Amino acid sequence: MSHEKTMKLVTNLDRAAIEQRLAAVRNAAQSANLGELASMFQGIEGMPRAQIEGKVKSALKWLMDKPDHKSLAAQLELVELNLPNLK
């Protein structure tokens, strides 16, 4: 059996919830001294969907070789699943 925490798949996040998650990722990244990652999500509030999508994809790519930060990647993957909900 896997020891990894399974994250409940949430696919009904609205813009406010998505922005909230991205702000949480930004804060967590700042706390973990990941300034580059944190800066990707500065001013995310109210940003157009395509821009947010680009930032999420870039951040996931940036995190790929950083297995210590799996939880941040998991949050971003969850946001990515919900991007179609951004109006």
C-alpha atoms as a PDB file:
ATOM      1  CA  MET A   1       0.000   0.000   0.000  1.00  0.00           C
ATOM      2  CA  SER A   2       1.247   3.485  -0.826  1.00  0.00           C
ATOM      3  CA  HIS A   3       2.190   5.780   2.030  1.00  0.00           C
ATOM      4  CA  GLU A   4       1.561   8.860  -0.041  1.00  0.00           C
ATOM      5  CA  LYS A   5      -1.360  10.973   0.972  1.00  0.00           C
ATOM      6  CA  THR A   6      -4.015  10.856  -1.654  1.00  0.00           C
ATOM      7  CA  MET A   7      -5.516  14.196  -2.386  1.00  0.00           C
ATOM      8  CA  LYS A   8      -9.206  14.264  -2.984  1.00  0.00           C
ATOM      9  CA  LEU A   9      -9.814  15.220  -6.573  1.00  0.00           C
ATOM     10  CA  VAL A  10     -11.572  18.539  -6.538  1.00  0.00           C
ATOM     11  CA  THR A  11     -12.689  19.760  -9.945  1.00  0.00           C
ATOM     12  CA  ASN A  12     -15.206  22.408  -8.986  1.00  0.00           C
ATOM     13  CA  LEU A  13     -12.947  25.232  -7.817  1.00  0.00           C
ATOM     14  CA  ASP A  14     -14.074  28.656  -8.964  1.00  0.00           C
ATOM     15  CA  ARG A  15     -11.810  31.630  -9.699  1.00  0.00           C
ATOM     16  CA  ALA A  16     -11.732  32.744  -6.054  1.00  0.00           C
ATOM     17  CA  ALA A  17     -10.772  29.262  -4.853  1.00  0.00           C
ATOM     18  CA  ILE A  18      -8.128  28.899  -7.580  1.00  0.00           C
ATOM     19  CA  GLU A  19      -6.605  32.282  -6.738  1.00  0.00           C
ATOM     20  CA  GLN A  20      -6.683  31.346  -3.047  1.00  0.00           C
ATOM     21  CA  ARG A  21      -4.772  28.121  -3.735  1.00  0.00           C
ATOM     22  CA  LEU A  22      -2.219  29.922  -5.874  1.00  0.00           C
ATOM     23  CA  ALA A  23      -1.736  32.533  -3.145  1.00  0.00           C
ATOM     24  CA  ALA A  24      -1.195  29.664  -0.667  1.00  0.00           C
ATOM     25  CA  VAL A  25       1.389  28.122  -3.023  1.00  0.00           C
ATOM     26  CA  ARG A  26       3.072  31.541  -3.315  1.00  0.00           C
ATOM     27  CA  ASN A  27       3.214  31.891   0.488  1.00  0.00           C
ATOM     28  CA  ALA A  28       4.466  28.331   0.970  1.00  0.00           C
ATOM     29  CA  ALA A  29       7.126  28.909  -1.689  1.00  0.00           C
ATOM     30  CA  GLN A  30       8.255  32.097   0.075  1.00  0.00           C
ATOM     31  CA  SER A  31       8.442  30.220   3.390  1.00  0.00           C
ATOM     32  CA  ALA A  32      10.526  27.499   1.730  1.00  0.00           C
ATOM     33  CA  ASN A  33      12.926  30.097   0.260  1.00  0.00           C
ATOM     34  CA  LEU A  34      11.726  29.331  -3.264  1.00  0.00           C
ATOM     35  CA  GLY A  35      11.673  32.964  -4.351  1.00  0.00           C
ATOM     36  CA  GLU A  36      11.622  32.125  -8.044  1.00  0.00           C
ATOM     37  CA  LEU A  37       8.499  29.992  -7.630  1.00  0.00           C
ATOM     38  CA  ALA A  38       6.830  32.535  -5.346  1.00  0.00           C
ATOM     39  CA  SER A  39       7.448  35.332  -7.857  1.00  0.00           C
ATOM     40  CA  MET A  40       5.609  33.365 -10.571  1.00  0.00           C
ATOM     41  CA  PHE A  41       2.390  33.902  -8.626  1.00  0.00           C
ATOM     42  CA  GLN A  42       2.804  37.558  -7.650  1.00  0.00           C
ATOM     43  CA  GLY A  43      -0.285  39.537  -8.652  1.00  0.00           C
ATOM     44  CA  ILE A  44      -2.177  36.412  -9.731  1.00  0.00           C
ATOM     45  CA  GLU A  45      -5.488  37.873  -8.536  1.00  0.00           C
ATOM     46  CA  GLY A  46      -7.685  38.867 -11.470  1.00  0.00           C
ATOM     47  CA  MET A  47      -5.140  37.696 -14.049  1.00  0.00           C
ATOM     48  CA  PRO A  48      -6.544  36.346 -17.343  1.00  0.00           C
ATOM     49  CA  ARG A  49      -6.978  32.572 -17.528  1.00  0.00           C
ATOM     50  CA  ALA A  50      -4.369  32.079 -20.268  1.00  0.00           C
ATOM     51  CA  GLN A  51      -1.778  33.887 -18.162  1.00  0.00           C
ATOM     52  CA  ILE A  52      -2.582  31.851 -15.052  1.00  0.00           C
ATOM     53  CA  GLU A  53      -2.440  28.679 -17.133  1.00  0.00           C
ATOM     54  CA  GLY A  54       1.023  29.615 -18.414  1.00  0.00           C
ATOM     55  CA  LYS A  55       2.296  30.356 -14.922  1.00  0.00           C
ATOM     56  CA  VAL A  56       0.939  27.089 -13.507  1.00  0.00           C
ATOM     57  CA  LYS A  57       2.564  25.102 -16.335  1.00  0.00           C
ATOM     58  CA  SER A  58       5.891  26.924 -15.873  1.00  0.00           C
ATOM     59  CA  ALA A  59       5.790  26.355 -12.134  1.00  0.00           C
ATOM     60  CA  LEU A  60       5.071  22.636 -12.561  1.00  0.00           C
ATOM     61  CA  LYS A  61       7.988  22.362 -14.980  1.00  0.00           C
ATOM     62  CA  TRP A  62      10.193  24.262 -12.509  1.00  0.00           C
ATOM     63  CA  LEU A  63       9.179  21.864  -9.699  1.00  0.00           C
ATOM     64  CA  MET A  64       9.734  18.674 -11.729  1.00  0.00           C
ATOM     65  CA  ASP A  65      13.269  18.076 -10.479  1.00  0.00           C
ATOM     66  CA  LYS A  66      12.476  19.152  -6.901  1.00  0.00           C
ATOM     67  CA  PRO A  67      10.931  16.077  -5.245  1.00  0.00           C
ATOM     68  CA  ASP A  68      11.113  17.736  -1.786  1.00  0.00           C
ATOM     69  CA  HIS A  69       8.334  20.045  -2.891  1.00  0.00           C
ATOM     70  CA  LYS A  70       5.807  17.436  -4.012  1.00  0.00           C
ATOM     71  CA  SER A  71       3.019  19.045  -2.000  1.00  0.00           C
ATOM     72  CA  LEU A  72       3.403  22.324  -3.908  1.00  0.00           C
ATOM     73  CA  ALA A  73       3.357  20.438  -7.203  1.00  0.00           C
ATOM     74  CA  ALA A  74       0.235  18.567  -6.066  1.00  0.00           C
ATOM     75  CA  GLN A  75      -1.527  21.873  -5.285  1.00  0.00           C
ATOM     76  CA  LEU A  76      -0.579  23.209  -8.713  1.00  0.00           C
ATOM     77  CA  GLU A  77      -1.796  20.042 -10.429  1.00  0.00           C
ATOM     78  CA  LEU A  78      -5.109  20.461  -8.642  1.00  0.00           C
ATOM     79  CA  VAL A  79      -5.320  24.057  -9.855  1.00  0.00           C
ATOM     80  CA  GLU A  80      -4.423  22.910 -13.372  1.00  0.00           C
ATOM     81  CA  LEU A  81      -7.376  20.503 -13.351  1.00  0.00           C
ATOM     82  CA  ASN A  82      -9.636  23.388 -12.422  1.00  0.00           C
ATOM     83  CA  LEU A  83      -8.371  25.927 -14.971  1.00  0.00           C
ATOM     84  CA  PRO A  84     -11.337  25.286 -17.303  1.00  0.00           C
ATOM     85  CA  ASN A  85     -13.527  26.750 -14.507  1.00  0.00           C
ATOM     86  CA  LEU A  86     -11.771  30.125 -14.728  1.00  0.00           C
ATOM     87  CA  LYS A  87     -14.129  32.555 -16.350  1.00  0.00           C
END
